[in-house]
Protein backbone atom coordinates (compact mmCIF):
# COMPACT_ATOMS: atom_id res chain seq x y z
CA UNK A 1 0.00 0.00 0.00
CA UNK A 2 1.33 3.42 -0.91
CA UNK A 3 1.77 5.82 2.01
CA UNK A 4 0.48 9.38 1.75
CA UNK A 5 -3.13 8.63 0.79
CA UNK A 6 -5.98 8.97 3.24
CA UNK A 7 -5.43 6.23 5.77
CA UNK A 8 -7.11 5.23 9.04
CA UNK A 9 -4.77 6.19 11.86
CA UNK A 10 -5.27 6.03 15.62
CA UNK A 11 -3.75 9.18 17.13
CA UNK A 12 -3.08 9.90 20.80
CA UNK A 13 -2.36 13.06 22.78
CA UNK A 14 0.90 12.84 24.72
CA UNK A 15 -0.43 15.09 27.51
CA UNK A 16 -3.95 13.91 28.30
CA UNK A 17 -3.94 10.50 26.51
CA UNK A 18 -7.05 11.38 24.45
CA UNK A 19 -7.27 9.02 21.46
CA UNK A 20 -9.29 9.06 18.27
CA UNK A 21 -9.28 7.53 14.81
CA UNK A 22 -8.81 9.88 11.87
CA UNK A 23 -8.59 9.40 8.11
CA UNK A 24 -5.84 11.60 6.73
CA UNK A 25 -2.31 11.65 5.32
CA UNK A 26 0.29 10.76 7.95
CA UNK A 27 2.01 14.15 7.58
CA UNK A 28 -1.16 16.01 8.67
CA UNK A 29 -1.69 15.05 12.32
CA UNK A 30 -4.48 16.88 14.19
CA UNK A 31 -4.41 18.92 17.39
CA UNK A 32 -5.96 17.47 20.55
CA UNK A 33 -9.44 18.96 21.09
CA UNK A 34 -8.93 18.93 24.88
CA UNK A 35 -5.46 20.48 25.38
CA UNK A 36 -4.53 21.77 21.89
CA UNK A 37 -1.32 19.71 21.67
CA UNK A 38 -0.19 18.09 18.42
CA UNK A 39 -1.26 14.45 18.54
CA UNK A 40 1.04 11.58 17.62
CA UNK A 41 0.42 8.27 15.88
CA UNK A 42 -0.55 5.48 18.23
CA UNK A 43 -1.28 2.85 15.60
CA UNK A 44 -1.67 2.53 11.84
CA UNK A 45 -4.96 0.80 11.16
CA UNK A 46 -4.35 -0.42 7.62
CA UNK A 47 -3.96 -4.09 8.58
CA UNK A 48 -6.95 -6.22 9.46
CA UNK A 49 -7.12 -7.52 13.02
CA UNK A 50 -9.34 -10.14 14.53
CA UNK A 51 -9.91 -10.42 18.26
């Protein structure tokens, strides 16, 4: 899979640990809605998982 397209990514805030799933290019990480800190990638969700 080619990186840079819209991908499902789980992002997490380093300060308050708020997590959410976003669909966007990896270079464009969002700000945390609670503390306005740049969020970081917690997990790439492009591989299927079964629990």
